[in-house]
Amino acid sequence: MNNDVTTLQVIADTLEHDPMASQRVLAQNAGMSIGLMNAVLKRFVERGWIMLTNVNLRKLSYAITPAGITELRERSQGFARRTFEIANKYNDTLCQLVAQAKQNKKSKLVLYGQSYIKFMLVYACQTQNFAFEEKPAAAPIEKGAFCVAGEQCEPSELAKLKKQGCMALLDLLQE
C-alpha cells in the first residue's frame, strides 16, 4: 500500500506539471515499465484514486480523484504525525540527558562536529539553564563537559571522539 501511495504521489506530481502526460511519461517518472504503469493505473482506477478520460481514439487523459487526493493527504498527515512524535521523543530524551549531566556536575554540553538536530541540543540546554558550545570534531575534548559527537561526523572522527569519551548523539537517542 505504501508503494502504491508513493506511485500515486509521483503520478500526481507529474500531472500537476504536465496535465496531458502519457503513460510513457508517467512510467518514466515513476521508474517503471509502461506495462507495469498500465496495470497500476487500472488498479488505481478500481480504487477510485484516478479517473481516465478519452481525449481521442488513441489518447487517454488521467486525473487524480478526490479519493486519491484524500489518500495522499492522509499519508502526508501520517508522516507529519510520526515525525512530530519522533521529534518529541528526541526532545524529551535530550532534555533528560542534559538534566542528568547537570546533576552530575558537568560544566556544559559540547557538541563536536555537525548535527542536523543541533537546535534540539541548544533547546535542551536552554530549558535546563545549561551552557552549550559547539566545536569542530578535531578539537581537543574538554574535561568536565558533557561531550557529544554529532551524527554528521565522519566514521573515523566519530570513533576517535568516542574513544576519547564523547557520546555519539545517535547512540544517545537510541537508548
C-alpha atoms as a PDB file:
ATOM      1  CA  MET A   1       0.000   0.000   0.000  1.00  0.00           C
ATOM      2  CA  ASN A   2       2.832   2.407   0.847  1.00  0.00           C
ATOM      3  CA  ASN A   3       4.443   1.851  -2.571  1.00  0.00           C
ATOM      4  CA  ASP A   4       1.071   2.462  -4.200  1.00  0.00           C
ATOM      5  CA  VAL A   5       0.688   5.789  -2.434  1.00  0.00           C
ATOM      6  CA  THR A   6       4.246   6.728  -3.392  1.00  0.00           C
ATOM      7  CA  THR A   7       3.448   5.920  -7.025  1.00  0.00           C
ATOM      8  CA  LEU A   8       0.209   7.894  -6.739  1.00  0.00           C
ATOM      9  CA  GLN A   9       2.232  10.864  -5.471  1.00  0.00           C
ATOM     10  CA  VAL A  10       4.602  10.601  -8.460  1.00  0.00           C
ATOM     11  CA  ILE A  11       1.610  10.500 -10.806  1.00  0.00           C
ATOM     12  CA  ALA A  12       0.013  13.499  -9.077  1.00  0.00           C
ATOM     13  CA  ASP A  13       3.279  15.473  -9.270  1.00  0.00           C
ATOM     14  CA  THR A  14       3.680  14.594 -12.952  1.00  0.00           C
ATOM     15  CA  LEU A  15       0.107  15.577 -13.789  1.00  0.00           C
ATOM     16  CA  GLU A  16       0.497  18.844 -11.918  1.00  0.00           C
ATOM     17  CA  HIS A  17       3.356  19.826 -14.245  1.00  0.00           C
ATOM     18  CA  ASP A  18       2.026  18.085 -17.372  1.00  0.00           C
ATOM     19  CA  PRO A  19      -1.763  17.523 -17.214  1.00  0.00           C
ATOM     20  CA  MET A  20      -1.724  15.643 -20.543  1.00  0.00           C
ATOM     21  CA  ALA A  21       1.176  13.332 -19.586  1.00  0.00           C
ATOM     22  CA  SER A  22       1.162   9.999 -21.380  1.00  0.00           C
ATOM     23  CA  GLN A  23       1.501   6.581 -19.754  1.00  0.00           C
ATOM     24  CA  ARG A  24       5.065   6.570 -21.059  1.00  0.00           C
ATOM     25  CA  VAL A  25       5.880   9.811 -19.182  1.00  0.00           C
ATOM     26  CA  LEU A  26       4.117   8.588 -16.039  1.00  0.00           C
ATOM     27  CA  ALA A  27       6.065   5.308 -16.220  1.00  0.00           C
ATOM     28  CA  GLN A  28       9.399   7.083 -16.731  1.00  0.00           C
ATOM     29  CA  ASN A  29       8.803   9.418 -13.795  1.00  0.00           C
ATOM     30  CA  ALA A  30       7.771   6.504 -11.567  1.00  0.00           C
ATOM     31  CA  GLY A  31      10.754   4.419 -12.680  1.00  0.00           C
ATOM     32  CA  MET A  32       8.698   1.541 -14.052  1.00  0.00           C
ATOM     33  CA  SER A  33       7.813  -0.080 -17.360  1.00  0.00           C
ATOM     34  CA  ILE A  34       4.829   1.067 -19.394  1.00  0.00           C
ATOM     35  CA  GLY A  35       3.173  -2.326 -18.868  1.00  0.00           C
ATOM     36  CA  LEU A  36       3.515  -2.043 -15.101  1.00  0.00           C
ATOM     37  CA  MET A  37       2.249   1.554 -15.197  1.00  0.00           C
ATOM     38  CA  ASN A  38      -0.767   0.359 -17.191  1.00  0.00           C
ATOM     39  CA  ALA A  39      -1.542  -2.238 -14.506  1.00  0.00           C
ATOM     40  CA  VAL A  40      -1.020   0.332 -11.735  1.00  0.00           C
ATOM     41  CA  LEU A  41      -3.342   2.823 -13.423  1.00  0.00           C
ATOM     42  CA  LYS A  42      -6.035   0.164 -13.783  1.00  0.00           C
ATOM     43  CA  ARG A  43      -5.702  -0.700 -10.067  1.00  0.00           C
ATOM     44  CA  PHE A  44      -5.859   2.984  -9.142  1.00  0.00           C
ATOM     45  CA  VAL A  45      -8.984   3.437 -11.272  1.00  0.00           C
ATOM     46  CA  GLU A  46     -10.579   0.470  -9.440  1.00  0.00           C
ATOM     47  CA  ARG A  47      -9.701   2.063  -6.097  1.00  0.00           C
ATOM     48  CA  GLY A  48     -11.159   5.355  -7.252  1.00  0.00           C
ATOM     49  CA  TRP A  49      -7.844   7.235  -6.986  1.00  0.00           C
ATOM     50  CA  ILE A  50      -7.525   8.028 -10.696  1.00  0.00           C
ATOM     51  CA  MET A  51     -10.027   8.921 -13.384  1.00  0.00           C
ATOM     52  CA  LEU A  52      -9.446   8.164 -17.062  1.00  0.00           C
ATOM     53  CA  THR A  53     -10.885  10.262 -19.855  1.00  0.00           C
ATOM     54  CA  ASN A  54     -10.682   9.597 -23.601  1.00  0.00           C
ATOM     55  CA  VAL A  55      -9.179  12.622 -25.337  1.00  0.00           C
ATOM     56  CA  ASN A  56      -9.427  10.883 -28.696  1.00  0.00           C
ATOM     57  CA  LEU A  57      -9.283   7.321 -30.019  1.00  0.00           C
ATOM     58  CA  ARG A  58      -5.578   6.988 -29.225  1.00  0.00           C
ATOM     59  CA  LYS A  59      -5.061   9.251 -26.214  1.00  0.00           C
ATOM     60  CA  LEU A  60      -6.188   8.978 -22.597  1.00  0.00           C
ATOM     61  CA  SER A  61      -6.091  11.729 -20.018  1.00  0.00           C
ATOM     62  CA  TYR A  62      -5.536  10.999 -16.329  1.00  0.00           C
ATOM     63  CA  ALA A  63      -6.684  12.929 -13.284  1.00  0.00           C
ATOM     64  CA  ILE A  64      -6.340  12.360  -9.555  1.00  0.00           C
ATOM     65  CA  THR A  65      -9.795  11.987  -7.995  1.00  0.00           C
ATOM     66  CA  PRO A  66     -10.906  13.425  -4.663  1.00  0.00           C
ATOM     67  CA  ALA A  67     -10.394   9.929  -3.178  1.00  0.00           C
ATOM     68  CA  GLY A  68      -6.826   9.938  -4.496  1.00  0.00           C
ATOM     69  CA  ILE A  69      -6.206  13.385  -3.035  1.00  0.00           C
ATOM     70  CA  THR A  70      -7.625  12.194   0.300  1.00  0.00           C
ATOM     71  CA  GLU A  71      -5.265   9.202   0.258  1.00  0.00           C
ATOM     72  CA  LEU A  72      -2.280  11.477  -0.375  1.00  0.00           C
ATOM     73  CA  ARG A  73      -3.377  13.920   2.343  1.00  0.00           C
ATOM     74  CA  GLU A  74      -3.824  11.129   4.890  1.00  0.00           C
ATOM     75  CA  ARG A  75      -0.380   9.802   4.032  1.00  0.00           C
ATOM     76  CA  SER A  76       1.132  13.273   4.482  1.00  0.00           C
ATOM     77  CA  GLN A  77      -0.650  13.755   7.785  1.00  0.00           C
ATOM     78  CA  GLY A  78       0.503  10.340   8.980  1.00  0.00           C
ATOM     79  CA  PHE A  79       4.078  11.166   8.028  1.00  0.00           C
ATOM     80  CA  ALA A  80       3.895  14.516   9.832  1.00  0.00           C
ATOM     81  CA  ARG A  81       2.360  12.887  12.913  1.00  0.00           C
ATOM     82  CA  ARG A  82       5.121  10.236  13.060  1.00  0.00           C
ATOM     83  CA  THR A  83       7.788  12.904  12.524  1.00  0.00           C
ATOM     84  CA  PHE A  84       6.405  15.040  15.366  1.00  0.00           C
ATOM     85  CA  GLU A  85       6.222  12.012  17.668  1.00  0.00           C
ATOM     86  CA  ILE A  86       9.862  11.174  16.965  1.00  0.00           C
ATOM     87  CA  ALA A  87      10.925  14.805  17.416  1.00  0.00           C
ATOM     88  CA  ASN A  88       9.102  14.996  20.761  1.00  0.00           C
ATOM     89  CA  LYS A  89      10.690  11.734  21.894  1.00  0.00           C
ATOM     90  CA  TYR A  90      14.164  13.010  20.940  1.00  0.00           C
ATOM     91  CA  ASN A  91      13.483  16.324  22.652  1.00  0.00           C
ATOM     92  CA  ASP A  92      12.394  14.609  25.882  1.00  0.00           C
ATOM     93  CA  THR A  93      15.417  12.315  25.767  1.00  0.00           C
ATOM     94  CA  LEU A  94      17.846  15.193  25.213  1.00  0.00           C
ATOM     95  CA  CYS A  95      16.283  17.272  27.990  1.00  0.00           C
ATOM     96  CA  GLN A  96      16.632  14.325  30.384  1.00  0.00           C
ATOM     97  CA  LEU A  97      20.260  13.761  29.348  1.00  0.00           C
ATOM     98  CA  VAL A  98      21.129  17.425  29.845  1.00  0.00           C
ATOM     99  CA  ALA A  99      19.405  17.434  33.254  1.00  0.00           C
ATOM    100  CA  GLN A 100      21.384  14.331  34.184  1.00  0.00           C
ATOM    101  CA  ALA A 101      24.639  15.928  33.023  1.00  0.00           C
ATOM    102  CA  LYS A 102      23.864  18.991  35.144  1.00  0.00           C
ATOM    103  CA  GLN A 103      23.169  16.771  38.195  1.00  0.00           C
ATOM    104  CA  ASN A 104      26.493  15.024  37.527  1.00  0.00           C
ATOM    105  CA  LYS A 105      28.193  18.440  37.824  1.00  0.00           C
ATOM    106  CA  LYS A 106      29.168  18.692  34.180  1.00  0.00           C
ATOM    107  CA  SER A 107      30.059  22.275  33.253  1.00  0.00           C
ATOM    108  CA  LYS A 108      28.345  22.413  29.860  1.00  0.00           C
ATOM    109  CA  LEU A 109      27.366  20.412  26.791  1.00  0.00           C
ATOM    110  CA  VAL A 110      29.926  20.491  23.994  1.00  0.00           C
ATOM    111  CA  LEU A 111      28.871  19.314  20.538  1.00  0.00           C
ATOM    112  CA  TYR A 112      31.822  18.091  18.498  1.00  0.00           C
ATOM    113  CA  GLY A 113      31.226  18.165  14.758  1.00  0.00           C
ATOM    114  CA  GLN A 114      27.989  18.914  12.970  1.00  0.00           C
ATOM    115  CA  SER A 115      24.442  17.794  13.741  1.00  0.00           C
ATOM    116  CA  TYR A 116      21.159  18.184  11.919  1.00  0.00           C
ATOM    117  CA  ILE A 117      19.423  18.420  15.282  1.00  0.00           C
ATOM    118  CA  LYS A 118      21.792  20.893  16.935  1.00  0.00           C
ATOM    119  CA  PHE A 119      18.752  23.099  17.553  1.00  0.00           C
ATOM    120  CA  MET A 120      17.334  20.372  19.815  1.00  0.00           C
ATOM    121  CA  LEU A 121      20.548  20.251  21.829  1.00  0.00           C
ATOM    122  CA  VAL A 122      20.512  24.037  22.172  1.00  0.00           C
ATOM    123  CA  TYR A 123      16.861  23.926  23.279  1.00  0.00           C
ATOM    124  CA  ALA A 124      17.537  21.174  25.822  1.00  0.00           C
ATOM    125  CA  CYS A 125      20.413  23.220  27.262  1.00  0.00           C
ATOM    126  CA  GLN A 126      18.289  26.374  27.398  1.00  0.00           C
ATOM    127  CA  THR A 127      15.440  24.625  29.229  1.00  0.00           C
ATOM    128  CA  GLN A 128      17.901  23.255  31.797  1.00  0.00           C
ATOM    129  CA  ASN A 129      19.846  26.537  32.080  1.00  0.00           C
ATOM    130  CA  PHE A 130      22.954  24.690  30.942  1.00  0.00           C
ATOM    131  CA  ALA A 131      25.740  26.082  28.764  1.00  0.00           C
ATOM    132  CA  PHE A 132      26.071  24.883  25.153  1.00  0.00           C
ATOM    133  CA  GLU A 133      29.158  25.073  22.974  1.00  0.00           C
ATOM    134  CA  GLU A 134      29.952  23.785  19.514  1.00  0.00           C
ATOM    135  CA  LYS A 135      33.450  22.751  18.422  1.00  0.00           C
ATOM    136  CA  PRO A 136      34.996  21.127  15.361  1.00  0.00           C
ATOM    137  CA  ALA A 137      35.326  17.352  15.518  1.00  0.00           C
ATOM    138  CA  ALA A 138      39.127  17.678  15.613  1.00  0.00           C
ATOM    139  CA  ALA A 139      39.117  19.967  18.682  1.00  0.00           C
ATOM    140  CA  PRO A 140      40.524  18.590  21.937  1.00  0.00           C
ATOM    141  CA  ILE A 141      37.963  17.039  24.276  1.00  0.00           C
ATOM    142  CA  GLU A 142      37.008  19.354  27.104  1.00  0.00           C
ATOM    143  CA  LYS A 143      37.311  17.814  30.557  1.00  0.00           C
ATOM    144  CA  GLY A 144      34.345  18.260  32.862  1.00  0.00           C
ATOM    145  CA  ALA A 145      31.906  18.807  29.998  1.00  0.00           C
ATOM    146  CA  PHE A 146      29.168  16.562  28.656  1.00  0.00           C
ATOM    147  CA  CYS A 147      30.753  15.827  25.266  1.00  0.00           C
ATOM    148  CA  VAL A 148      28.559  14.772  22.353  1.00  0.00           C
ATOM    149  CA  ALA A 149      29.713  13.778  18.879  1.00  0.00           C
ATOM    150  CA  GLY A 150      27.391  14.980  16.110  1.00  0.00           C
ATOM    151  CA  GLU A 151      25.882  12.463  13.717  1.00  0.00           C
ATOM    152  CA  GLN A 152      27.480  14.169  10.722  1.00  0.00           C
ATOM    153  CA  CYS A 153      30.993  13.265  11.864  1.00  0.00           C
ATOM    154  CA  GLU A 154      32.999  11.018   9.585  1.00  0.00           C
ATOM    155  CA  PRO A 155      33.210   7.431  10.913  1.00  0.00           C
ATOM    156  CA  SER A 156      36.914   7.854  11.719  1.00  0.00           C
ATOM    157  CA  GLU A 157      36.221  11.124  13.594  1.00  0.00           C
ATOM    158  CA  LEU A 158      33.335   9.513  15.453  1.00  0.00           C
ATOM    159  CA  ALA A 159      35.463   6.539  16.508  1.00  0.00           C
ATOM    160  CA  LYS A 160      38.197   8.888  17.748  1.00  0.00           C
ATOM    161  CA  LEU A 161      35.732  11.057  19.675  1.00  0.00           C
ATOM    162  CA  LYS A 162      34.073   8.025  21.284  1.00  0.00           C
ATOM    163  CA  LYS A 163      37.476   6.661  22.269  1.00  0.00           C
ATOM    164  CA  GLN A 164      38.206   9.994  23.980  1.00  0.00           C
ATOM    165  CA  GLY A 165      34.976   9.825  25.996  1.00  0.00           C
ATOM    166  CA  CYS A 166      32.397  11.549  23.789  1.00  0.00           C
ATOM    167  CA  MET A 167      28.928  10.114  23.498  1.00  0.00           C
ATOM    168  CA  ALA A 168      27.639   9.649  19.952  1.00  0.00           C
ATOM    169  CA  LEU A 169      24.423  11.616  19.509  1.00  0.00           C
ATOM    170  CA  LEU A 170      22.726   8.801  17.624  1.00  0.00           C
ATOM    171  CA  ASP A 171      23.626   6.336  20.397  1.00  0.00           C
ATOM    172  CA  LEU A 172      22.086   8.675  22.987  1.00  0.00           C
ATOM    173  CA  LEU A 173      18.830   8.881  21.066  1.00  0.00           C
ATOM    174  CA  GLN A 174      18.533   5.115  20.568  1.00  0.00           C
ATOM    175  CA  GLU A 175      18.853   4.265  24.256  1.00  0.00           C
END
